[in-house]
PDB file of N, CA and C in Angstrom:
ATOM      1  N   UNK A   1       2.292 -16.404  -1.191  1.00  0.00           N
ATOM      2  CA  UNK A   1       2.065 -15.570  -2.065  1.00  0.00           C
ATOM      3  C   UNK A   1       0.661 -15.616  -2.271  1.00  0.00           C
ATOM      4  N   UNK A   2       0.092 -14.318  -3.458  1.00  0.00           N
ATOM      5  CA  UNK A   2      -1.093 -14.389  -3.687  1.00  0.00           C
ATOM      6  C   UNK A   2      -1.922 -15.605  -3.380  1.00  0.00           C
ATOM      7  N   UNK A   3      -1.623 -16.346  -3.976  1.00  0.00           N
ATOM      8  CA  UNK A   3      -2.088 -18.038  -4.420  1.00  0.00           C
ATOM      9  C   UNK A   3      -2.642 -19.246  -3.026  1.00  0.00           C
ATOM     10  N   UNK A   4      -1.970 -18.643  -2.496  1.00  0.00           N
ATOM     11  CA  UNK A   4      -2.080 -19.125  -1.197  1.00  0.00           C
ATOM     12  C   UNK A   4      -3.199 -18.562   0.055  1.00  0.00           C
ATOM     13  N   UNK A   5      -3.452 -17.624  -0.576  1.00  0.00           N
ATOM     14  CA  UNK A   5      -4.782 -16.852  -0.462  1.00  0.00           C
ATOM     15  C   UNK A   5      -6.125 -17.546  -0.671  1.00  0.00           C
ATOM     16  N   UNK A   6      -6.139 -18.595  -1.362  1.00  0.00           N
ATOM     17  CA  UNK A   6      -6.770 -19.443  -1.890  1.00  0.00           C
ATOM     18  C   UNK A   6      -7.851 -20.144  -1.147  1.00  0.00           C
ATOM     19  N   UNK A   7      -9.209 -19.833  -0.400  1.00  0.00           N
ATOM     20  CA  UNK A   7      -9.900 -20.336   0.760  1.00  0.00           C
ATOM     21  C   UNK A   7      -9.838 -19.750   2.440  1.00  0.00           C
ATOM     22  N   UNK A   8      -8.678 -18.744   2.121  1.00  0.00           N
ATOM     23  CA  UNK A   8      -8.346 -18.351   3.843  1.00  0.00           C
ATOM     24  C   UNK A   8      -9.261 -16.598   3.595  1.00  0.00           C
ATOM     25  N   UNK A   9      -9.505 -16.401   4.646  1.00  0.00           N
ATOM     26  CA  UNK A   9     -10.188 -15.156   5.016  1.00  0.00           C
ATOM     27  C   UNK A   9      -9.323 -14.165   4.619  1.00  0.00           C
ATOM     28  N   UNK A  10      -9.561 -13.019   3.931  1.00  0.00           N
ATOM     29  CA  UNK A  10      -9.339 -11.772   4.338  1.00  0.00           C
ATOM     30  C   UNK A  10     -10.102 -10.570   4.253  1.00  0.00           C
ATOM     31  N   UNK A  11      -9.802  -9.236   4.500  1.00  0.00           N
ATOM     32  CA  UNK A  11     -10.425  -8.902   4.909  1.00  0.00           C
ATOM     33  C   UNK A  11     -10.081  -7.429   3.746  1.00  0.00           C
ATOM     34  N   UNK A  12     -11.401  -6.521   3.328  1.00  0.00           N
ATOM     35  CA  UNK A  12     -11.472  -5.787   1.863  1.00  0.00           C
ATOM     36  C   UNK A  12     -11.915  -4.720   1.484  1.00  0.00           C
ATOM     37  N   UNK A  13     -11.400  -3.907   1.215  1.00  0.00           N
ATOM     38  CA  UNK A  13     -12.959  -2.989   1.074  1.00  0.00           C
ATOM     39  C   UNK A  13     -13.336  -3.360  -0.584  1.00  0.00           C
ATOM     40  N   UNK A  14     -14.911  -2.730  -0.629  1.00  0.00           N
ATOM     41  CA  UNK A  14     -15.763  -3.976  -1.665  1.00  0.00           C
ATOM     42  C   UNK A  14     -15.100  -3.012  -3.202  1.00  0.00           C
ATOM     43  N   UNK A  15     -14.557  -1.305  -2.402  1.00  0.00           N
ATOM     44  CA  UNK A  15     -14.040  -1.089  -3.902  1.00  0.00           C
ATOM     45  C   UNK A  15     -13.313  -0.915  -4.243  1.00  0.00           C
ATOM     46  N   UNK A  16     -12.463  -1.597  -3.472  1.00  0.00           N
ATOM     47  CA  UNK A  16     -10.827  -1.202  -4.223  1.00  0.00           C
ATOM     48  C   UNK A  16     -10.367  -2.479  -4.799  1.00  0.00           C
ATOM     49  N   UNK A  17      -9.409  -2.259  -5.335  1.00  0.00           N
ATOM     50  CA  UNK A  17      -8.922  -2.603  -6.666  1.00  0.00           C
ATOM     51  C   UNK A  17      -8.217  -3.798  -5.581  1.00  0.00           C
ATOM     52  N   UNK A  18      -8.015  -4.162  -4.378  1.00  0.00           N
ATOM     53  CA  UNK A  18      -7.043  -5.293  -3.893  1.00  0.00           C
ATOM     54  C   UNK A  18      -8.631  -6.069  -3.319  1.00  0.00           C
ATOM     55  N   UNK A  19      -9.640  -5.526  -3.009  1.00  0.00           N
ATOM     56  CA  UNK A  19     -10.856  -6.425  -3.100  1.00  0.00           C
ATOM     57  C   UNK A  19     -10.686  -7.766  -4.739  1.00  0.00           C
ATOM     58  N   UNK A  20     -10.501  -6.982  -5.575  1.00  0.00           N
ATOM     59  CA  UNK A  20     -10.416  -8.107  -6.891  1.00  0.00           C
ATOM     60  C   UNK A  20      -9.189  -8.509  -7.074  1.00  0.00           C
ATOM     61  N   UNK A  21      -8.138  -8.267  -5.831  1.00  0.00           N
ATOM     62  CA  UNK A  21      -7.057  -9.561  -5.902  1.00  0.00           C
ATOM     63  C   UNK A  21      -7.376 -10.378  -5.353  1.00  0.00           C
ATOM     64  N   UNK A  22      -8.025 -10.203  -4.501  1.00  0.00           N
ATOM     65  CA  UNK A  22      -8.177 -11.262  -3.112  1.00  0.00           C
ATOM     66  C   UNK A  22      -8.861 -12.147  -3.982  1.00  0.00           C
ATOM     67  N   UNK A  23     -10.595 -11.520  -4.703  1.00  0.00           N
ATOM     68  CA  UNK A  23     -11.685 -12.196  -5.294  1.00  0.00           C
ATOM     69  C   UNK A  23     -10.624 -13.360  -5.953  1.00  0.00           C
ATOM     70  N   UNK A  24      -9.647 -13.195  -6.573  1.00  0.00           N
ATOM     71  CA  UNK A  24      -9.102 -13.355  -8.160  1.00  0.00           C
ATOM     72  C   UNK A  24      -7.825 -15.016  -7.495  1.00  0.00           C
ATOM     73  N   UNK A  25      -7.275 -14.472  -6.377  1.00  0.00           N
ATOM     74  CA  UNK A  25      -6.580 -15.295  -5.908  1.00  0.00           C
ATOM     75  C   UNK A  25      -7.423 -16.663  -5.004  1.00  0.00           C
ATOM     76  N   UNK A  26      -8.712 -16.505  -4.703  1.00  0.00           N
ATOM     77  CA  UNK A  26      -9.750 -17.055  -4.407  1.00  0.00           C
ATOM     78  C   UNK A  26      -9.860 -17.106  -2.897  1.00  0.00           C
ATOM     79  N   UNK A  27      -9.678 -16.122  -2.282  1.00  0.00           N
ATOM     80  CA  UNK A  27      -9.814 -15.507  -1.167  1.00  0.00           C
ATOM     81  C   UNK A  27     -11.361 -15.811  -0.655  1.00  0.00           C
ATOM     82  N   UNK A  28     -12.062 -15.861   0.837  1.00  0.00           N
ATOM     83  CA  UNK A  28     -13.037 -15.853   1.143  1.00  0.00           C
ATOM     84  C   UNK A  28     -13.171 -14.378   1.671  1.00  0.00           C
ATOM     85  N   UNK A  29     -13.489 -13.202   1.123  1.00  0.00           N
ATOM     86  CA  UNK A  29     -13.491 -11.481   1.306  1.00  0.00           C
ATOM     87  C   UNK A  29     -14.769 -11.287   2.556  1.00  0.00           C
ATOM     88  N   UNK A  30     -14.212 -10.979   3.338  1.00  0.00           N
ATOM     89  CA  UNK A  30     -14.500 -10.047   4.584  1.00  0.00           C
ATOM     90  C   UNK A  30     -14.710  -8.248   4.250  1.00  0.00           C
ATOM     91  N   UNK A  31     -16.175  -8.438   4.005  1.00  0.00           N
ATOM     92  CA  UNK A  31     -16.044  -6.555   3.198  1.00  0.00           C
ATOM     93  C   UNK A  31     -15.835  -5.550   4.565  1.00  0.00           C
ATOM     94  N   UNK A  32     -15.335  -4.504   4.970  1.00  0.00           N
ATOM     95  CA  UNK A  32     -14.699  -3.315   5.896  1.00  0.00           C
ATOM     96  C   UNK A  32     -14.345  -2.193   5.022  1.00  0.00           C
ATOM     97  N   UNK A  33     -14.908  -1.328   6.053  1.00  0.00           N
ATOM     98  CA  UNK A  33     -14.481  -0.123   5.328  1.00  0.00           C
ATOM     99  C   UNK A  33     -13.360   0.743   5.080  1.00  0.00           C
ATOM    100  N   UNK A  34     -12.003  -0.194   5.921  1.00  0.00           N
ATOM    101  CA  UNK A  34     -10.616   0.444   5.469  1.00  0.00           C
ATOM    102  C   UNK A  34      -9.936  -0.200   6.536  1.00  0.00           C
ATOM    103  N   UNK A  35      -8.686   0.689   5.934  1.00  0.00           N
ATOM    104  CA  UNK A  35      -7.405  -0.307   7.000  1.00  0.00           C
ATOM    105  C   UNK A  35      -7.364  -0.374   8.305  1.00  0.00           C
ATOM    106  N   UNK A  36      -7.899   0.302   8.781  1.00  0.00           N
ATOM    107  CA  UNK A  36      -7.795   0.514  10.562  1.00  0.00           C
ATOM    108  C   UNK A  36      -9.289  -1.162  10.874  1.00  0.00           C
ATOM    109  N   UNK A  37     -10.272  -1.387  10.323  1.00  0.00           N
ATOM    110  CA  UNK A  37     -11.142  -2.028  10.397  1.00  0.00           C
ATOM    111  C   UNK A  37     -10.477  -4.138   9.654  1.00  0.00           C
ATOM    112  N   UNK A  38      -9.422  -3.478   8.928  1.00  0.00           N
ATOM    113  CA  UNK A  38      -8.404  -4.672   8.375  1.00  0.00           C
ATOM    114  C   UNK A  38      -7.805  -5.151   9.779  1.00  0.00           C
ATOM    115  N   UNK A  39      -6.983  -4.209   9.702  1.00  0.00           N
ATOM    116  CA  UNK A  39      -5.812  -4.314  10.940  1.00  0.00           C
ATOM    117  C   UNK A  39      -6.638  -5.119  12.393  1.00  0.00           C
ATOM    118  N   UNK A  40      -8.461  -4.141  12.744  1.00  0.00           N
ATOM    119  CA  UNK A  40      -8.455  -5.214  13.916  1.00  0.00           C
ATOM    120  C   UNK A  40      -9.045  -5.988  13.933  1.00  0.00           C
ATOM    121  N   UNK A  41     -10.010  -6.627  12.925  1.00  0.00           N
ATOM    122  CA  UNK A  41      -9.756  -7.937  12.142  1.00  0.00           C
ATOM    123  C   UNK A  41      -8.809  -9.153  12.177  1.00  0.00           C
ATOM    124  N   UNK A  42      -7.181  -8.686  12.459  1.00  0.00           N
ATOM    125  CA  UNK A  42      -6.535  -9.482  11.854  1.00  0.00           C
ATOM    126  C   UNK A  42      -6.178  -9.698  13.607  1.00  0.00           C
ATOM    127  N   UNK A  43      -5.806  -8.378  14.072  1.00  0.00           N
ATOM    128  CA  UNK A  43      -5.443  -8.856  15.528  1.00  0.00           C
ATOM    129  C   UNK A  43      -6.142  -9.696  16.426  1.00  0.00           C
ATOM    130  N   UNK A  44      -8.078  -9.360  16.045  1.00  0.00           N
ATOM    131  CA  UNK A  44      -8.527 -10.513  16.477  1.00  0.00           C
ATOM    132  C   UNK A  44      -8.321 -12.124  16.411  1.00  0.00           C
ATOM    133  N   UNK A  45      -8.361 -12.084  15.152  1.00  0.00           N
ATOM    134  CA  UNK A  45      -7.839 -13.794  14.372  1.00  0.00           C
ATOM    135  C   UNK A  45      -9.357 -13.978  13.480  1.00  0.00           C
ATOM    136  N   UNK A  46      -9.617 -12.603  12.940  1.00  0.00           N
ATOM    137  CA  UNK A  46     -11.367 -13.418  12.335  1.00  0.00           C
ATOM    138  C   UNK A  46     -10.781 -12.932  11.212  1.00  0.00           C
ATOM    139  N   UNK A  47     -10.013 -12.862  10.541  1.00  0.00           N
ATOM    140  CA  UNK A  47      -9.275 -12.884   9.212  1.00  0.00           C
ATOM    141  C   UNK A  47      -8.136 -13.308   9.423  1.00  0.00           C
ATOM    142  N   UNK A  48      -7.346 -13.827   8.042  1.00  0.00           N
ATOM    143  CA  UNK A  48      -5.892 -14.262   7.945  1.00  0.00           C
ATOM    144  C   UNK A  48      -4.939 -13.499   7.375  1.00  0.00           C
ATOM    145  N   UNK A  49      -5.663 -12.404   6.202  1.00  0.00           N
ATOM    146  CA  UNK A  49      -4.624 -11.423   5.695  1.00  0.00           C
ATOM    147  C   UNK A  49      -5.310 -10.014   5.132  1.00  0.00           C
ATOM    148  N   UNK A  50      -5.219  -9.016   4.861  1.00  0.00           N
ATOM    149  CA  UNK A  50      -5.422  -7.991   4.130  1.00  0.00           C
ATOM    150  C   UNK A  50      -4.534  -7.954   3.062  1.00  0.00           C
ATOM    151  N   UNK A  51      -4.857  -7.337   1.690  1.00  0.00           N
ATOM    152  CA  UNK A  51      -4.264  -6.864   1.037  1.00  0.00           C
ATOM    153  C   UNK A  51      -4.531  -5.236   0.782  1.00  0.00           C
ATOM    154  N   UNK A  52      -3.037  -4.893   0.644  1.00  0.00           N
ATOM    155  CA  UNK A  52      -3.443  -3.242   0.716  1.00  0.00           C
ATOM    156  C   UNK A  52      -2.113  -2.663   0.348  1.00  0.00           C
ATOM    157  N   UNK A  53      -2.399  -1.336   0.069  1.00  0.00           N
ATOM    158  CA  UNK A  53      -1.070  -0.574  -0.288  1.00  0.00           C
ATOM    159  C   UNK A  53       0.179  -0.605   0.842  1.00  0.00           C
ATOM    160  N   UNK A  54       1.253  -1.040   0.047  1.00  0.00           N
ATOM    161  CA  UNK A  54       2.396  -1.191   0.918  1.00  0.00           C
ATOM    162  C   UNK A  54       2.894   0.273   2.088  1.00  0.00           C
ATOM    163  N   UNK A  55       2.314   1.312   0.689  1.00  0.00           N
ATOM    164  CA  UNK A  55       2.360   2.686   1.909  1.00  0.00           C
ATOM    165  C   UNK A  55       1.651   3.005   3.219  1.00  0.00           C
ATOM    166  N   UNK A  56       0.904   2.565   2.494  1.00  0.00           N
ATOM    167  CA  UNK A  56      -0.422   2.599   4.059  1.00  0.00           C
ATOM    168  C   UNK A  56       0.543   1.749   5.368  1.00  0.00           C
ATOM    169  N   UNK A  57       0.714   0.393   5.022  1.00  0.00           N
ATOM    170  CA  UNK A  57       1.462  -0.499   5.686  1.00  0.00           C
ATOM    171  C   UNK A  57       2.636  -0.024   6.313  1.00  0.00           C
ATOM    172  N   UNK A  58       3.472   0.622   5.112  1.00  0.00           N
ATOM    173  CA  UNK A  58       4.953   1.321   6.077  1.00  0.00           C
ATOM    174  C   UNK A  58       4.393   2.329   7.159  1.00  0.00           C
ATOM    175  N   UNK A  59       3.285   3.103   6.694  1.00  0.00           N
ATOM    176  CA  UNK A  59       2.997   4.193   7.495  1.00  0.00           C
ATOM    177  C   UNK A  59       2.501   3.706   8.583  1.00  0.00           C
ATOM    178  N   UNK A  60       1.527   2.860   8.840  1.00  0.00           N
ATOM    179  CA  UNK A  60       0.857   2.137   9.941  1.00  0.00           C
ATOM    180  C   UNK A  60       2.017   1.518  10.432  1.00  0.00           C
ATOM    181  N   UNK A  61       3.413   1.197  10.497  1.00  0.00           N
ATOM    182  CA  UNK A  61       3.872   0.149  10.819  1.00  0.00           C
ATOM    183  C   UNK A  61       5.059   1.476  11.512  1.00  0.00           C
ATOM    184  N   UNK A  62       5.603   2.727  11.146  1.00  0.00           N
ATOM    185  CA  UNK A  62       6.027   3.277  11.480  1.00  0.00           C
ATOM    186  C   UNK A  62       5.580   4.271  12.427  1.00  0.00           C
ATOM    187  N   UNK A  63       3.899   4.538  12.808  1.00  0.00           N
ATOM    188  CA  UNK A  63       2.859   5.190  13.450  1.00  0.00           C
ATOM    189  C   UNK A  63       2.864   4.129  14.579  1.00  0.00           C
ATOM    190  N   UNK A  64       3.034   3.019  14.548  1.00  0.00           N
ATOM    191  CA  UNK A  64       2.469   2.167  15.205  1.00  0.00           C
ATOM    192  C   UNK A  64       3.114   0.990  15.341  1.00  0.00           C
ATOM    193  N   UNK A  65       3.907   0.898  15.425  1.00  0.00           N
ATOM    194  CA  UNK A  65       4.929  -0.223  15.590  1.00  0.00           C
ATOM    195  C   UNK A  65       5.669  -0.217  16.202  1.00  0.00           C
ATOM    196  N   UNK A  66       6.297  -1.507  16.663  1.00  0.00           N
ATOM    197  CA  UNK A  66       6.380  -2.720  15.749  1.00  0.00           C
ATOM    198  C   UNK A  66       4.770  -3.197  16.172  1.00  0.00           C
ATOM    199  N   UNK A  67       4.547  -3.894  14.946  1.00  0.00           N
ATOM    200  CA  UNK A  67       3.254  -4.055  14.841  1.00  0.00           C
ATOM    201  C   UNK A  67       3.013  -5.976  15.045  1.00  0.00           C
ATOM    202  N   UNK A  68       3.999  -6.235  14.454  1.00  0.00           N
ATOM    203  CA  UNK A  68       3.922  -7.704  14.522  1.00  0.00           C
ATOM    204  C   UNK A  68       3.512  -8.483  12.929  1.00  0.00           C
ATOM    205  N   UNK A  69       2.833  -7.229  12.577  1.00  0.00           N
ATOM    206  CA  UNK A  69       2.289  -7.575  10.959  1.00  0.00           C
ATOM    207  C   UNK A  69       3.050  -7.747   9.830  1.00  0.00           C
ATOM    208  N   UNK A  70       3.371  -8.338   8.924  1.00  0.00           N
ATOM    209  CA  UNK A  70       4.512  -8.707   8.015  1.00  0.00           C
ATOM    210  C   UNK A  70       4.068  -8.580   6.652  1.00  0.00           C
ATOM    211  N   UNK A  71       4.571  -8.461   5.111  1.00  0.00           N
ATOM    212  CA  UNK A  71       4.179  -8.200   4.390  1.00  0.00           C
ATOM    213  C   UNK A  71       4.453  -9.808   3.706  1.00  0.00           C
ATOM    214  N   UNK A  72       3.321 -10.502   3.292  1.00  0.00           N
ATOM    215  CA  UNK A  72       3.953 -11.865   2.674  1.00  0.00           C
ATOM    216  C   UNK A  72       4.058 -11.606   1.176  1.00  0.00           C
ATOM    217  N   UNK A  73       3.568 -10.602   0.582  1.00  0.00           N
ATOM    218  CA  UNK A  73       3.735 -10.954  -1.287  1.00  0.00           C
ATOM    219  C   UNK A  73       3.562  -9.554  -1.887  1.00  0.00           C
ATOM    220  N   UNK A  74       3.933  -9.626  -2.608  1.00  0.00           N
ATOM    221  CA  UNK A  74       4.034  -7.654  -3.206  1.00  0.00           C
ATOM    222  C   UNK A  74       3.905  -8.846  -4.660  1.00  0.00           C
ATOM    223  N   UNK A  75       2.666  -7.299  -5.209  1.00  0.00           N
ATOM    224  CA  UNK A  75       2.300  -7.480  -6.985  1.00  0.00           C
ATOM    225  C   UNK A  75       3.761  -7.146  -7.528  1.00  0.00           C
ATOM    226  N   UNK A  76       3.894  -7.647  -8.846  1.00  0.00           N
ATOM    227  CA  UNK A  76       4.864  -7.462  -9.570  1.00  0.00           C
ATOM    228  C   UNK A  76       4.278  -7.042 -11.295  1.00  0.00           C
ATOM    229  N   UNK A  77       4.230  -5.852 -11.736  1.00  0.00           N
ATOM    230  CA  UNK A  77       5.417  -4.427 -10.981  1.00  0.00           C
ATOM    231  C   UNK A  77       5.058  -4.033  -9.755  1.00  0.00           C
ATOM    232  N   UNK A  78       5.287  -3.307  -9.303  1.00  0.00           N
ATOM    233  CA  UNK A  78       4.477  -2.046  -7.758  1.00  0.00           C
ATOM    234  C   UNK A  78       3.672  -1.585  -8.651  1.00  0.00           C
ATOM    235  N   UNK A  79       2.990  -1.397  -7.492  1.00  0.00           N
ATOM    236  CA  UNK A  79       1.861  -0.148  -8.462  1.00  0.00           C
ATOM    237  C   UNK A  79       2.401   1.278  -8.233  1.00  0.00           C
ATOM    238  N   UNK A  80       2.035   2.053  -8.947  1.00  0.00           N
ATOM    239  CA  UNK A  80       2.557   3.499  -8.875  1.00  0.00           C
ATOM    240  C   UNK A  80       1.703   4.229  -8.170  1.00  0.00           C
ATOM    241  N   UNK A  81       2.108   5.928  -7.418  1.00  0.00           N
ATOM    242  CA  UNK A  81       0.823   6.770  -7.389  1.00  0.00           C
ATOM    243  C   UNK A  81       1.094   7.908  -8.478  1.00  0.00           C
ATOM    244  N   UNK A  82       0.238   8.286  -8.398  1.00  0.00           N
ATOM    245  CA  UNK A  82       0.059   9.261  -9.799  1.00  0.00           C
ATOM    246  C   UNK A  82      -0.376  10.899  -8.691  1.00  0.00           C
ATOM    247  N   UNK A  83      -0.135  11.907  -9.719  1.00  0.00           N
ATOM    248  CA  UNK A  83      -0.678  13.370  -9.441  1.00  0.00           C
ATOM    249  C   UNK A  83      -0.849  13.269 -10.251  1.00  0.00           C
ATOM    250  N   UNK A  84      -2.740  14.308 -10.168  1.00  0.00           N
ATOM    251  CA  UNK A  84      -3.665  13.892 -11.092  1.00  0.00           C
ATOM    252  C   UNK A  84      -3.625  15.376 -11.636  1.00  0.00           C
ATOM    253  N   UNK A  85      -3.568  15.931 -12.677  1.00  0.00           N
ATOM    254  CA  UNK A  85      -3.963  17.547 -13.028  1.00  0.00           C
ATOM    255  C   UNK A  85      -4.743  17.924 -13.737  1.00  0.00           C
ATOM    256  N   UNK A  86      -5.489  18.777 -14.321  1.00  0.00           N
ATOM    257  CA  UNK A  86      -5.709  19.023 -15.683  1.00  0.00           C
ATOM    258  C   UNK A  86      -4.334  19.260 -16.506  1.00  0.00           C
ATOM    259  N   UNK A  87      -4.757  18.895 -18.182  1.00  0.00           N
ATOM    260  CA  UNK A  87      -3.415  18.804 -19.040  1.00  0.00           C
ATOM    261  C   UNK A  87      -2.887  20.585 -18.825  1.00  0.00           C
ATOM    262  N   UNK A  88      -1.964  20.967 -17.452  1.00  0.00           N
ATOM    263  CA  UNK A  88      -1.600  21.617 -17.605  1.00  0.00           C
ATOM    264  C   UNK A  88       0.202  21.327 -17.916  1.00  0.00           C
ATOM    265  N   UNK A  89       0.550  21.002 -18.790  1.00  0.00           N
ATOM    266  CA  UNK A  89       1.957  20.892 -19.232  1.00  0.00           C
ATOM    267  C   UNK A  89       2.608  21.663 -18.677  1.00  0.00           C
ATOM    268  N   UNK A  90       3.021  22.830 -18.230  1.00  0.00           N
ATOM    269  CA  UNK A  90       3.846  23.693 -17.528  1.00  0.00           C
ATOM    270  C   UNK A  90       3.916  22.646 -16.106  1.00  0.00           C
ATOM    271  N   UNK A  91       2.298  22.404 -15.432  1.00  0.00           N
ATOM    272  CA  UNK A  91       2.760  22.532 -14.208  1.00  0.00           C
ATOM    273  C   UNK A  91       3.235  20.906 -13.968  1.00  0.00           C
ATOM    274  N   UNK A  92       2.731  19.987 -15.119  1.00  0.00           N
ATOM    275  CA  UNK A  92       3.502  18.757 -14.920  1.00  0.00           C
ATOM    276  C   UNK A  92       4.910  18.540 -15.191  1.00  0.00           C
ATOM    277  N   UNK A  93       5.674  19.716 -15.795  1.00  0.00           N
ATOM    278  CA  UNK A  93       6.856  19.906 -16.015  1.00  0.00           C
ATOM    279  C   UNK A  93       7.302  20.126 -14.560  1.00  0.00           C
ATOM    280  N   UNK A  94       6.855  20.903 -14.532  1.00  0.00           N
ATOM    281  CA  UNK A  94       7.513  21.845 -13.061  1.00  0.00           C
ATOM    282  C   UNK A  94       7.571  20.539 -11.438  1.00  0.00           C
ATOM    283  N   UNK A  95       6.477  20.103 -11.701  1.00  0.00           N
ATOM    284  CA  UNK A  95       6.380  18.508 -10.831  1.00  0.00           C
ATOM    285  C   UNK A  95       7.147  17.961 -11.102  1.00  0.00           C
ATOM    286  N   UNK A  96       7.277  17.404 -12.178  1.00  0.00           N
ATOM    287  CA  UNK A  96       8.665  16.160 -12.491  1.00  0.00           C
ATOM    288  C   UNK A  96      10.108  16.512 -12.053  1.00  0.00           C
ATOM    289  N   UNK A  97      10.444  18.090 -12.625  1.00  0.00           N
ATOM    290  CA  UNK A  97      11.495  18.616 -12.074  1.00  0.00           C
ATOM    291  C   UNK A  97      11.960  18.403 -10.891  1.00  0.00           C
ATOM    292  N   UNK A  98      10.788  19.033 -10.366  1.00  0.00           N
ATOM    293  CA  UNK A  98      11.228  18.946  -8.418  1.00  0.00           C
ATOM    294  C   UNK A  98      11.453  17.738  -8.358  1.00  0.00           C
ATOM    295  N   UNK A  99      10.453  16.636  -8.378  1.00  0.00           N
ATOM    296  CA  UNK A  99      10.745  15.572  -7.992  1.00  0.00           C
ATOM    297  C   UNK A  99      12.036  15.253  -8.411  1.00  0.00           C
ATOM    298  N   UNK A 100      12.603  15.144  -9.639  1.00  0.00           N
ATOM    299  CA  UNK A 100      14.308  14.670 -10.073  1.00  0.00           C
ATOM    300  C   UNK A 100      14.982  15.555  -9.188  1.00  0.00           C
ATOM    301  N   UNK A 101      14.946  16.885  -8.888  1.00  0.00           N
ATOM    302  CA  UNK A 101      15.898  17.489  -7.826  1.00  0.00           C
ATOM    303  C   UNK A 101      16.131  16.512  -6.674  1.00  0.00           C
ATOM    304  N   UNK A 102      14.932  16.478  -6.593  1.00  0.00           N
ATOM    305  CA  UNK A 102      14.418  15.885  -4.786  1.00  0.00           C
ATOM    306  C   UNK A 102      15.580  14.649  -5.266  1.00  0.00           C
ATOM    307  N   UNK A 103      15.165  13.420  -5.901  1.00  0.00           N
ATOM    308  CA  UNK A 103      15.657  12.574  -6.473  1.00  0.00           C
ATOM    309  C   UNK A 103      17.466  12.357  -6.397  1.00  0.00           C
ATOM    310  N   UNK A 104      17.422  13.089  -7.178  1.00  0.00           N
ATOM    311  CA  UNK A 104      18.687  13.215  -7.700  1.00  0.00           C
ATOM    312  C   UNK A 104      19.548  13.714  -6.070  1.00  0.00           C
ATOM    313  N   UNK A 105      19.645  14.382  -5.490  1.00  0.00           N
ATOM    314  CA  UNK A 105      19.958  14.751  -4.113  1.00  0.00           C
ATOM    315  C   UNK A 105      19.860  14.405  -3.100  1.00  0.00           C
ATOM    316  N   UNK A 106      18.948  12.916  -2.993  1.00  0.00           N
ATOM    317  CA  UNK A 106      18.829  12.383  -1.799  1.00  0.00           C
ATOM    318  C   UNK A 106      17.789  12.950  -1.067  1.00  0.00           C
ATOM    319  N   UNK A 107      16.949  13.810  -1.434  1.00  0.00           N
ATOM    320  CA  UNK A 107      16.024  14.597  -0.120  1.00  0.00           C
ATOM    321  C   UNK A 107      15.058  13.370  -0.598  1.00  0.00           C
ATOM    322  N   UNK A 108      14.341  13.178  -1.499  1.00  0.00           N
ATOM    323  CA  UNK A 108      13.338  12.403  -1.757  1.00  0.00           C
ATOM    324  C   UNK A 108      13.395  10.953  -0.761  1.00  0.00           C
ATOM    325  N   UNK A 109      14.716  10.572  -0.737  1.00  0.00           N
ATOM    326  CA  UNK A 109      14.792   8.894  -0.182  1.00  0.00           C
ATOM    327  C   UNK A 109      14.891   8.873   1.474  1.00  0.00           C
ATOM    328  N   UNK A 110      15.607  10.958   1.938  1.00  0.00           N
ATOM    329  CA  UNK A 110      15.421  11.117   3.385  1.00  0.00           C
ATOM    330  C   UNK A 110      13.950  10.867   4.118  1.00  0.00           C
ATOM    331  N   UNK A 111      13.172  11.682   2.796  1.00  0.00           N
ATOM    332  CA  UNK A 111      11.773  11.450   3.687  1.00  0.00           C
ATOM    333  C   UNK A 111      10.777  10.889   3.165  1.00  0.00           C
ATOM    334  N   UNK A 112      10.914   9.619   2.523  1.00  0.00           N
ATOM    335  CA  UNK A 112      10.434   8.697   2.481  1.00  0.00           C
ATOM    336  C   UNK A 112      11.035   7.647   3.818  1.00  0.00           C
ATOM    337  N   UNK A 113      12.152   7.846   3.951  1.00  0.00           N
ATOM    338  CA  UNK A 113      12.724   6.648   5.199  1.00  0.00           C
ATOM    339  C   UNK A 113      12.115   7.767   6.370  1.00  0.00           C
ATOM    340  N   UNK A 114      11.947   9.180   6.603  1.00  0.00           N
ATOM    341  CA  UNK A 114      11.673   9.931   7.681  1.00  0.00           C
ATOM    342  C   UNK A 114      10.265   9.157   7.663  1.00  0.00           C
ATOM    343  N   UNK A 115       9.283   9.195   6.681  1.00  0.00           N
ATOM    344  CA  UNK A 115       7.715   8.987   7.238  1.00  0.00           C
ATOM    345  C   UNK A 115       7.326   7.405   6.937  1.00  0.00           C
ATOM    346  N   UNK A 116       8.005   6.581   5.736  1.00  0.00           N
ATOM    347  CA  UNK A 116       7.478   5.078   5.640  1.00  0.00           C
ATOM    348  C   UNK A 116       8.852   4.092   6.646  1.00  0.00           C
ATOM    349  N   UNK A 117      10.129   4.858   7.140  1.00  0.00           N
ATOM    350  CA  UNK A 117      10.935   3.988   7.279  1.00  0.00           C
ATOM    351  C   UNK A 117      11.698   3.310   6.296  1.00  0.00           C
ATOM    352  N   UNK A 118      11.649   3.412   5.397  1.00  0.00           N
ATOM    353  CA  UNK A 118      11.762   2.425   4.345  1.00  0.00           C
ATOM    354  C   UNK A 118      11.632   3.610   2.659  1.00  0.00           C
ATOM    355  N   UNK A 119      13.157   3.676   1.684  1.00  0.00           N
ATOM    356  CA  UNK A 119      12.718   3.964   0.375  1.00  0.00           C
ATOM    357  C   UNK A 119      12.201   4.002  -0.483  1.00  0.00           C
ATOM    358  N   UNK A 120      11.035   4.295  -0.412  1.00  0.00           N
ATOM    359  CA  UNK A 120       9.670   4.319  -1.544  1.00  0.00           C
ATOM    360  C   UNK A 120       9.912   4.431  -2.682  1.00  0.00           C
ATOM    361  N   UNK A 121      10.921   4.938  -3.138  1.00  0.00           N
ATOM    362  CA  UNK A 121      10.799   6.590  -4.357  1.00  0.00           C
ATOM    363  C   UNK A 121      11.085   5.761  -5.189  1.00  0.00           C
ATOM    364  N   UNK A 122      11.660   4.473  -5.597  1.00  0.00           N
ATOM    365  CA  UNK A 122      12.441   3.757  -6.453  1.00  0.00           C
ATOM    366  C   UNK A 122      11.214   3.014  -7.247  1.00  0.00           C
TER     367      UNK A 122
END
């Protein structure tokens, strides 16, 4: 759990919300620039964990795996991804409609599995 990070060394980007989560859990945070540095420090046993986005981990595992890294805890509720636009209701409605169609016919889950090795659309 995140509570288990108390006193443990983590690798976090100082400007991310994951840094704040690690700090709140009582982790000893090693500042880094990004995911690649975090993974390298983990491999070198210089840190014990990193908190990051699940999609980043799944992409890394699919591309470079199996890596031996494991997900030990997840936030509840899960974090959402967004598409930011100007206030153009027609565009937002079109995006939502397309996503609904892709979700309903299974295409979205198929794309998710292709790129992440898991259905991350739920």
